[in-house]
Amino acid sequence: MDTQKVGIREFRDKLATYLLESETPVAITRHGDTVGYYIPARRRRSEAEREALKEAFGHWQQILKAEGISEDEVLADFKTWRAKQKQ
C-alpha cells in the first residue's frame, strides 16, 4: 500500500479532508522528517454499498410498520440488551 507524504501544516489545514477521504496511509512530515502517520480506519463506501444500505433500511422500516413497533422501542430494547451484556 502506498503512503502519501504531506507536510504538517498542509495536514493540519486539510485535516477534515484527510480524515474523511483518505484511503491510504499518510506520512506527516516536518522539515522533511516523518513525525507521524495517519492510518485511515474506514474506507469510503461505494455507491452500490450505499444503495444496499438504503434498501435494507427500507425493508427494516416495512417490518417495523407491519409489526407495529416504533424505532424508539427498538432502541430501548437494544439499550436493555446491551446493559445486560455488560454485566
PDB file of N, CA and C in Angstrom:
ATOM      1  N   MET A   1       0.849  -1.178   0.000  1.00  0.00           N
ATOM      2  CA  MET A   1       0.000   0.000   0.000  1.00  0.00           C
ATOM      3  C   MET A   1       0.892   1.237   0.000  1.00  0.00           C
ATOM      4  N   ASP A   2       0.602   2.158  -0.875  1.00  0.00           N
ATOM      5  CA  ASP A   2       1.378   3.383  -0.978  1.00  0.00           C
ATOM      6  C   ASP A   2       1.086   4.302   0.199  1.00  0.00           C
ATOM      7  N   THR A   3       2.098   5.069   0.589  1.00  0.00           N
ATOM      8  CA  THR A   3       1.934   6.064   1.638  1.00  0.00           C
ATOM      9  C   THR A   3       2.129   7.433   1.030  1.00  0.00           C
ATOM     10  N   GLN A   4       1.193   8.308   1.292  1.00  0.00           N
ATOM     11  CA  GLN A   4       1.274   9.680   0.801  1.00  0.00           C
ATOM     12  C   GLN A   4       2.028  10.509   1.839  1.00  0.00           C
ATOM     13  N   LYS A   5       2.999  11.321   1.404  1.00  0.00           N
ATOM     14  CA  LYS A   5       3.716  12.206   2.318  1.00  0.00           C
ATOM     15  C   LYS A   5       3.132  13.600   2.227  1.00  0.00           C
ATOM     16  N   VAL A   6       2.922  14.213   3.400  1.00  0.00           N
ATOM     17  CA  VAL A   6       2.346  15.552   3.426  1.00  0.00           C
ATOM     18  C   VAL A   6       2.956  16.316   4.596  1.00  0.00           C
ATOM     19  N   GLY A   7       3.195  17.591   4.382  1.00  0.00           N
ATOM     20  CA  GLY A   7       3.740  18.434   5.445  1.00  0.00           C
ATOM     21  C   GLY A   7       2.728  18.633   6.563  1.00  0.00           C
ATOM     22  N   ILE A   8       3.235  18.882   7.756  1.00  0.00           N
ATOM     23  CA  ILE A   8       2.374  19.006   8.924  1.00  0.00           C
ATOM     24  C   ILE A   8       1.379  20.158   8.787  1.00  0.00           C
ATOM     25  N   ARG A   9       1.810  21.275   8.197  1.00  0.00           N
ATOM     26  CA  ARG A   9       0.881  22.406   8.023  1.00  0.00           C
ATOM     27  C   ARG A   9      -0.247  22.064   7.060  1.00  0.00           C
ATOM     28  N   GLU A  10       0.096  21.415   5.951  1.00  0.00           N
ATOM     29  CA  GLU A  10      -0.946  21.020   4.998  1.00  0.00           C
ATOM     30  C   GLU A  10      -1.892  20.028   5.655  1.00  0.00           C
ATOM     31  N   PHE A  11      -1.347  19.075   6.401  1.00  0.00           N
ATOM     32  CA  PHE A  11      -2.190  18.094   7.080  1.00  0.00           C
ATOM     33  C   PHE A  11      -3.159  18.792   8.030  1.00  0.00           C
ATOM     34  N   ARG A  12      -2.640  19.751   8.795  1.00  0.00           N
ATOM     35  CA  ARG A  12      -3.483  20.495   9.736  1.00  0.00           C
ATOM     36  C   ARG A  12      -4.548  21.299   8.985  1.00  0.00           C
ATOM     37  N   ASP A  13      -4.137  21.987   7.929  1.00  0.00           N
ATOM     38  CA  ASP A  13      -5.071  22.836   7.185  1.00  0.00           C
ATOM     39  C   ASP A  13      -6.174  22.038   6.491  1.00  0.00           C
ATOM     40  N   LYS A  14      -5.859  20.826   6.087  1.00  0.00           N
ATOM     41  CA  LYS A  14      -6.825  19.996   5.358  1.00  0.00           C
ATOM     42  C   LYS A  14      -7.209  18.757   6.162  1.00  0.00           C
ATOM     43  N   LEU A  15      -7.205  18.881   7.483  1.00  0.00           N
ATOM     44  CA  LEU A  15      -7.441  17.743   8.367  1.00  0.00           C
ATOM     45  C   LEU A  15      -8.737  17.008   8.045  1.00  0.00           C
ATOM     46  N   ALA A  16      -9.833  17.737   7.906  1.00  0.00           N
ATOM     47  CA  ALA A  16     -11.123  17.080   7.631  1.00  0.00           C
ATOM     48  C   ALA A  16     -11.069  16.267   6.346  1.00  0.00           C
ATOM     49  N   THR A  17     -10.430  16.798   5.333  1.00  0.00           N
ATOM     50  CA  THR A  17     -10.316  16.088   4.064  1.00  0.00           C
ATOM     51  C   THR A  17      -9.539  14.789   4.248  1.00  0.00           C
ATOM     52  N   TYR A  18      -8.401  14.860   4.945  1.00  0.00           N
ATOM     53  CA  TYR A  18      -7.616  13.646   5.167  1.00  0.00           C
ATOM     54  C   TYR A  18      -8.378  12.636   6.008  1.00  0.00           C
ATOM     55  N   LEU A  19      -9.075  13.100   7.058  1.00  0.00           N
ATOM     56  CA  LEU A  19      -9.792  12.179   7.938  1.00  0.00           C
ATOM     57  C   LEU A  19     -10.966  11.501   7.238  1.00  0.00           C
ATOM     58  N   LEU A  20     -11.661  12.234   6.394  1.00  0.00           N
ATOM     59  CA  LEU A  20     -12.872  11.697   5.791  1.00  0.00           C
ATOM     60  C   LEU A  20     -12.679  11.066   4.418  1.00  0.00           C
ATOM     61  N   GLU A  21     -11.618  11.448   3.705  1.00  0.00           N
ATOM     62  CA  GLU A  21     -11.491  10.991   2.324  1.00  0.00           C
ATOM     63  C   GLU A  21     -10.258  10.148   2.034  1.00  0.00           C
ATOM     64  N   SER A  22      -9.296  10.112   2.946  1.00  0.00           N
ATOM     65  CA  SER A  22      -8.072   9.347   2.705  1.00  0.00           C
ATOM     66  C   SER A  22      -8.365   7.857   2.683  1.00  0.00           C
ATOM     67  N   GLU A  23      -7.823   7.186   1.693  1.00  0.00           N
ATOM     68  CA  GLU A  23      -7.958   5.735   1.614  1.00  0.00           C
ATOM     69  C   GLU A  23      -6.619   5.046   1.833  1.00  0.00           C
ATOM     70  N   THR A  24      -5.539   5.816   1.844  1.00  0.00           N
ATOM     71  CA  THR A  24      -4.204   5.257   2.052  1.00  0.00           C
ATOM     72  C   THR A  24      -3.548   5.963   3.232  1.00  0.00           C
ATOM     73  N   PRO A  25      -2.570   5.318   3.867  1.00  0.00           N
ATOM     74  CA  PRO A  25      -1.872   5.963   4.984  1.00  0.00           C
ATOM     75  C   PRO A  25      -1.186   7.255   4.537  1.00  0.00           C
ATOM     76  N   VAL A  26      -1.080   8.185   5.481  1.00  0.00           N
ATOM     77  CA  VAL A  26      -0.439   9.469   5.217  1.00  0.00           C
ATOM     78  C   VAL A  26       0.738   9.608   6.173  1.00  0.00           C
ATOM     79  N   ALA A  27       1.937   9.846   5.626  1.00  0.00           N
ATOM     80  CA  ALA A  27       3.111  10.132   6.439  1.00  0.00           C
ATOM     81  C   ALA A  27       3.158  11.645   6.627  1.00  0.00           C
ATOM     82  N   ILE A  28       3.130  12.086   7.873  1.00  0.00           N
ATOM     83  CA  ILE A  28       3.145  13.516   8.172  1.00  0.00           C
ATOM     84  C   ILE A  28       4.591  13.930   8.433  1.00  0.00           C
ATOM     85  N   THR A  29       5.035  14.951   7.692  1.00  0.00           N
ATOM     86  CA  THR A  29       6.430  15.357   7.795  1.00  0.00           C
ATOM     87  C   THR A  29       6.570  16.783   8.317  1.00  0.00           C
ATOM     88  N   ARG A  30       7.742  17.044   8.891  1.00  0.00           N
ATOM     89  CA  ARG A  30       8.104  18.398   9.317  1.00  0.00           C
ATOM     90  C   ARG A  30       9.559  18.596   8.923  1.00  0.00           C
ATOM     91  N   HIS A  31       9.788  19.559   8.080  1.00  0.00           N
ATOM     92  CA  HIS A  31      11.128  19.820   7.549  1.00  0.00           C
ATOM     93  C   HIS A  31      11.735  18.565   6.926  1.00  0.00           C
ATOM     94  N   GLY A  32      10.895  17.777   6.251  1.00  0.00           N
ATOM     95  CA  GLY A  32      11.362  16.595   5.544  1.00  0.00           C
ATOM     96  C   GLY A  32      11.456  15.335   6.385  1.00  0.00           C
ATOM     97  N   ASP A  33      11.360  15.448   7.702  1.00  0.00           N
ATOM     98  CA  ASP A  33      11.413  14.278   8.579  1.00  0.00           C
ATOM     99  C   ASP A  33      10.001  13.812   8.913  1.00  0.00           C
ATOM    100  N   THR A  34       9.785  12.521   8.876  1.00  0.00           N
ATOM    101  CA  THR A  34       8.475  11.979   9.226  1.00  0.00           C
ATOM    102  C   THR A  34       8.288  12.069  10.731  1.00  0.00           C
ATOM    103  N   VAL A  35       7.184  12.721  11.135  1.00  0.00           N
ATOM    104  CA  VAL A  35       6.901  12.888  12.565  1.00  0.00           C
ATOM    105  C   VAL A  35       5.709  12.052  13.019  1.00  0.00           C
ATOM    106  N   GLY A  36       4.974  11.487  12.075  1.00  0.00           N
ATOM    107  CA  GLY A  36       3.830  10.662  12.439  1.00  0.00           C
ATOM    108  C   GLY A  36       3.141  10.109  11.216  1.00  0.00           C
ATOM    109  N   TYR A  37       2.169   9.267  11.485  1.00  0.00           N
ATOM    110  CA  TYR A  37       1.393   8.643  10.418  1.00  0.00           C
ATOM    111  C   TYR A  37      -0.083   8.752  10.745  1.00  0.00           C
ATOM    112  N   TYR A  38      -0.880   8.917   9.719  1.00  0.00           N
ATOM    113  CA  TYR A  38      -2.322   8.797   9.853  1.00  0.00           C
ATOM    114  C   TYR A  38      -2.716   7.580   9.039  1.00  0.00           C
ATOM    115  N   ILE A  39      -3.367   6.629   9.695  1.00  0.00           N
ATOM    116  CA  ILE A  39      -3.818   5.423   9.020  1.00  0.00           C
ATOM    117  C   ILE A  39      -5.345   5.419   9.059  1.00  0.00           C
ATOM    118  N   PRO A  40      -5.992   5.533   7.915  1.00  0.00           N
ATOM    119  CA  PRO A  40      -7.457   5.585   7.885  1.00  0.00           C
ATOM    120  C   PRO A  40      -8.077   4.330   8.498  1.00  0.00           C
ATOM    121  N   ALA A  41      -9.092   4.533   9.320  1.00  0.00           N
ATOM    122  CA  ALA A  41      -9.768   3.419   9.968  1.00  0.00           C
ATOM    123  C   ALA A  41     -10.944   2.922   9.146  1.00  0.00           C
ATOM    124  N   ARG A  42     -11.433   3.730   8.248  1.00  0.00           N
ATOM    125  CA  ARG A  42     -12.561   3.305   7.424  1.00  0.00           C
ATOM    126  C   ARG A  42     -12.317   3.738   5.988  1.00  0.00           C
ATOM    127  N   ARG A  43     -12.946   3.060   5.108  1.00  0.00           N
ATOM    128  CA  ARG A  43     -12.840   3.435   3.704  1.00  0.00           C
ATOM    129  C   ARG A  43     -14.164   4.021   3.253  1.00  0.00           C
ATOM    130  N   ARG A  44     -14.133   4.706   2.173  1.00  0.00           N
ATOM    131  CA  ARG A  44     -15.358   5.290   1.618  1.00  0.00           C
ATOM    132  C   ARG A  44     -16.232   4.181   1.066  1.00  0.00           C
ATOM    133  N   ARG A  45     -17.518   4.319   1.263  1.00  0.00           N
ATOM    134  CA  ARG A  45     -18.456   3.329   0.745  1.00  0.00           C
ATOM    135  C   ARG A  45     -18.709   3.590  -0.736  1.00  0.00           C
ATOM    136  N   SER A  46     -18.849   2.507  -1.463  1.00  0.00           N
ATOM    137  CA  SER A  46     -19.168   2.629  -2.884  1.00  0.00           C
ATOM    138  C   SER A  46     -20.649   2.971  -3.032  1.00  0.00           C
ATOM    139  N   GLU A  47     -21.005   3.395  -4.212  1.00  0.00           N
ATOM    140  CA  GLU A  47     -22.412   3.720  -4.486  1.00  0.00           C
ATOM    141  C   GLU A  47     -23.286   2.478  -4.315  1.00  0.00           C
ATOM    142  N   ALA A  48     -22.778   1.324  -4.715  1.00  0.00           N
ATOM    143  CA  ALA A  48     -23.532   0.076  -4.562  1.00  0.00           C
ATOM    144  C   ALA A  48     -23.781  -0.230  -3.081  1.00  0.00           C
ATOM    145  N   GLU A  49     -22.767   0.001  -2.230  1.00  0.00           N
ATOM    146  CA  GLU A  49     -22.937  -0.218  -0.789  1.00  0.00           C
ATOM    147  C   GLU A  49     -23.965   0.744  -0.205  1.00  0.00           C
ATOM    148  N   ARG A  50     -23.918   2.000  -0.630  1.00  0.00           N
ATOM    149  CA  ARG A  50     -24.902   2.986  -0.155  1.00  0.00           C
ATOM    150  C   ARG A  50     -26.321   2.571  -0.553  1.00  0.00           C
ATOM    151  N   GLU A  51     -26.481   2.133  -1.786  1.00  0.00           N
ATOM    152  CA  GLU A  51     -27.798   1.700  -2.258  1.00  0.00           C
ATOM    153  C   GLU A  51     -28.289   0.484  -1.480  1.00  0.00           C
ATOM    154  N   ALA A  52     -27.386  -0.460  -1.193  1.00  0.00           N
ATOM    155  CA  ALA A  52     -27.766  -1.644  -0.416  1.00  0.00           C
ATOM    156  C   ALA A  52     -28.201  -1.255   0.993  1.00  0.00           C
ATOM    157  N   LEU A  53     -27.517  -0.298   1.593  1.00  0.00           N
ATOM    158  CA  LEU A  53     -27.908   0.169   2.925  1.00  0.00           C
ATOM    159  C   LEU A  53     -29.273   0.847   2.892  1.00  0.00           C
ATOM    160  N   LYS A  54     -29.523   1.647   1.868  1.00  0.00           N
ATOM    161  CA  LYS A  54     -30.824   2.299   1.730  1.00  0.00           C
ATOM    162  C   LYS A  54     -31.938   1.260   1.562  1.00  0.00           C
ATOM    163  N   GLU A  55     -31.665   0.243   0.777  1.00  0.00           N
ATOM    164  CA  GLU A  55     -32.651  -0.816   0.562  1.00  0.00           C
ATOM    165  C   GLU A  55     -32.917  -1.580   1.861  1.00  0.00           C
ATOM    166  N   ALA A  56     -31.869  -1.910   2.589  1.00  0.00           N
ATOM    167  CA  ALA A  56     -32.018  -2.616   3.867  1.00  0.00           C
ATOM    168  C   ALA A  56     -32.812  -1.767   4.854  1.00  0.00           C
ATOM    169  N   PHE A  57     -32.544  -0.483   4.882  1.00  0.00           N
ATOM    170  CA  PHE A  57     -33.275   0.416   5.760  1.00  0.00           C
ATOM    171  C   PHE A  57     -34.757   0.442   5.406  1.00  0.00           C
ATOM    172  N   GLY A  58     -35.061   0.465   4.123  1.00  0.00           N
ATOM    173  CA  GLY A  58     -36.451   0.439   3.672  1.00  0.00           C
ATOM    174  C   GLY A  58     -37.164  -0.828   4.129  1.00  0.00           C
ATOM    175  N   HIS A  59     -36.477  -1.980   3.997  1.00  0.00           N
ATOM    176  CA  HIS A  59     -37.051  -3.248   4.449  1.00  0.00           C
ATOM    177  C   HIS A  59     -37.284  -3.224   5.959  1.00  0.00           C
ATOM    178  N   TRP A  60     -36.323  -2.689   6.683  1.00  0.00           N
ATOM    179  CA  TRP A  60     -36.423  -2.608   8.142  1.00  0.00           C
ATOM    180  C   TRP A  60     -37.632  -1.766   8.541  1.00  0.00           C
ATOM    181  N   GLN A  61     -37.828  -0.635   7.885  1.00  0.00           N
ATOM    182  CA  GLN A  61     -38.985   0.212   8.190  1.00  0.00           C
ATOM    183  C   GLN A  61     -40.302  -0.507   7.890  1.00  0.00           C
ATOM    184  N   GLN A  62     -40.355  -1.268   6.799  1.00  0.00           N
ATOM    185  CA  GLN A  62     -41.556  -2.025   6.464  1.00  0.00           C
ATOM    186  C   GLN A  62     -41.872  -3.064   7.534  1.00  0.00           C
ATOM    187  N   ILE A  63     -40.845  -3.758   8.004  1.00  0.00           N
ATOM    188  CA  ILE A  63     -41.037  -4.772   9.037  1.00  0.00           C
ATOM    189  C   ILE A  63     -41.541  -4.130  10.324  1.00  0.00           C
ATOM    190  N   LEU A  64     -40.921  -3.027  10.729  1.00  0.00           N
ATOM    191  CA  LEU A  64     -41.362  -2.336  11.944  1.00  0.00           C
ATOM    192  C   LEU A  64     -42.818  -1.909  11.830  1.00  0.00           C
ATOM    193  N   LYS A  65     -43.187  -1.351  10.689  1.00  0.00           N
ATOM    194  CA  LYS A  65     -44.555  -0.889  10.483  1.00  0.00           C
ATOM    195  C   LYS A  65     -45.535  -2.063  10.533  1.00  0.00           C
ATOM    196  N   ALA A  66     -45.174  -3.162   9.875  1.00  0.00           N
ATOM    197  CA  ALA A  66     -46.049  -4.340   9.845  1.00  0.00           C
ATOM    198  C   ALA A  66     -46.249  -4.921  11.247  1.00  0.00           C
ATOM    199  N   GLU A  67     -45.220  -4.843  12.078  1.00  0.00           N
ATOM    200  CA  GLU A  67     -45.300  -5.388  13.436  1.00  0.00           C
ATOM    201  C   GLU A  67     -45.811  -4.372  14.445  1.00  0.00           C
ATOM    202  N   GLY A  68     -45.986  -3.126  14.016  1.00  0.00           N
ATOM    203  CA  GLY A  68     -46.463  -2.091  14.925  1.00  0.00           C
ATOM    204  C   GLY A  68     -45.440  -1.693  15.972  1.00  0.00           C
ATOM    205  N   ILE A  69     -44.169  -1.716  15.585  1.00  0.00           N
ATOM    206  CA  ILE A  69     -43.072  -1.392  16.503  1.00  0.00           C
ATOM    207  C   ILE A  69     -42.456  -0.065  16.082  1.00  0.00           C
ATOM    208  N   SER A  70     -42.178   0.792  17.059  1.00  0.00           N
ATOM    209  CA  SER A  70     -41.540   2.073  16.744  1.00  0.00           C
ATOM    210  C   SER A  70     -40.018   1.938  16.846  1.00  0.00           C
ATOM    211  N   GLU A  71     -39.325   2.861  16.205  1.00  0.00           N
ATOM    212  CA  GLU A  71     -37.862   2.879  16.293  1.00  0.00           C
ATOM    213  C   GLU A  71     -37.423   3.107  17.735  1.00  0.00           C
ATOM    214  N   ASP A  72     -38.188   3.903  18.486  1.00  0.00           N
ATOM    215  CA  ASP A  72     -37.859   4.156  19.892  1.00  0.00           C
ATOM    216  C   ASP A  72     -37.927   2.878  20.718  1.00  0.00           C
ATOM    217  N   GLU A  73     -38.893   2.015  20.413  1.00  0.00           N
ATOM    218  CA  GLU A  73     -38.996   0.739  21.125  1.00  0.00           C
ATOM    219  C   GLU A  73     -37.798  -0.159  20.813  1.00  0.00           C
ATOM    220  N   VAL A  74     -37.393  -0.178  19.559  1.00  0.00           N
ATOM    221  CA  VAL A  74     -36.225  -0.973  19.165  1.00  0.00           C
ATOM    222  C   VAL A  74     -34.991  -0.466  19.901  1.00  0.00           C
ATOM    223  N   LEU A  75     -34.821   0.857  19.944  1.00  0.00           N
ATOM    224  CA  LEU A  75     -33.675   1.444  20.619  1.00  0.00           C
ATOM    225  C   LEU A  75     -33.684   1.123  22.112  1.00  0.00           C
ATOM    226  N   ALA A  76     -34.843   1.215  22.746  1.00  0.00           N
ATOM    227  CA  ALA A  76     -34.948   0.901  24.172  1.00  0.00           C
ATOM    228  C   ALA A  76     -34.607  -0.566  24.435  1.00  0.00           C
ATOM    229  N   ASP A  77     -35.107  -1.475  23.586  1.00  0.00           N
ATOM    230  CA  ASP A  77     -34.789  -2.895  23.729  1.00  0.00           C
ATOM    231  C   ASP A  77     -33.292  -3.142  23.552  1.00  0.00           C
ATOM    232  N   PHE A  78     -32.693  -2.471  22.578  1.00  0.00           N
ATOM    233  CA  PHE A  78     -31.264  -2.639  22.343  1.00  0.00           C
ATOM    234  C   PHE A  78     -30.458  -2.160  23.548  1.00  0.00           C
ATOM    235  N   LYS A  79     -30.831  -1.014  24.109  1.00  0.00           N
ATOM    236  CA  LYS A  79     -30.120  -0.490  25.279  1.00  0.00           C
ATOM    237  C   LYS A  79     -30.236  -1.442  26.458  1.00  0.00           C
ATOM    238  N   THR A  80     -31.402  -2.032  26.638  1.00  0.00           N
ATOM    239  CA  THR A  80     -31.594  -3.000  27.720  1.00  0.00           C
ATOM    240  C   THR A  80     -30.722  -4.241  27.487  1.00  0.00           C
ATOM    241  N   TRP A  81     -30.733  -4.747  26.271  1.00  0.00           N
ATOM    242  CA  TRP A  81     -29.910  -5.912  25.934  1.00  0.00           C
ATOM    243  C   TRP A  81     -28.430  -5.613  26.159  1.00  0.00           C
ATOM    244  N   ARG A  82     -28.006  -4.434  25.715  1.00  0.00           N
ATOM    245  CA  ARG A  82     -26.588  -4.045  25.835  1.00  0.00           C
ATOM    246  C   ARG A  82     -26.164  -3.933  27.291  1.00  0.00           C
ATOM    247  N   ALA A  83     -27.038  -3.381  28.120  1.00  0.00           N
ATOM    248  CA  ALA A  83     -26.733  -3.248  29.551  1.00  0.00           C
ATOM    249  C   ALA A  83     -26.569  -4.640  30.181  1.00  0.00           C
ATOM    250  N   LYS A  84     -27.396  -5.585  29.786  1.00  0.00           N
ATOM    251  CA  LYS A  84     -27.288  -6.951  30.303  1.00  0.00           C
ATOM    252  C   LYS A  84     -25.986  -7.619  29.857  1.00  0.00           C
ATOM    253  N   GLN A  85     -25.529  -7.299  28.651  1.00  0.00           N
ATOM    254  CA  GLN A  85     -24.291  -7.875  28.131  1.00  0.00           C
ATOM    255  C   GLN A  85     -23.072  -7.405  28.900  1.00  0.00           C
ATOM    256  N   LYS A  86     -23.133  -6.195  29.452  1.00  0.00           N
ATOM    257  CA  LYS A  86     -22.007  -5.621  30.186  1.00  0.00           C
ATOM    258  C   LYS A  86     -21.882  -6.203  31.586  1.00  0.00           C
ATOM    259  N   GLN A  87     -22.946  -6.844  32.069  1.00  0.00           N
ATOM    260  CA  GLN A  87     -22.935  -7.392  33.444  1.00  0.00           C
ATOM    261  C   GLN A  87     -22.138  -8.653  33.547  1.00  0.00           C
TER     262      GLN A  87
END
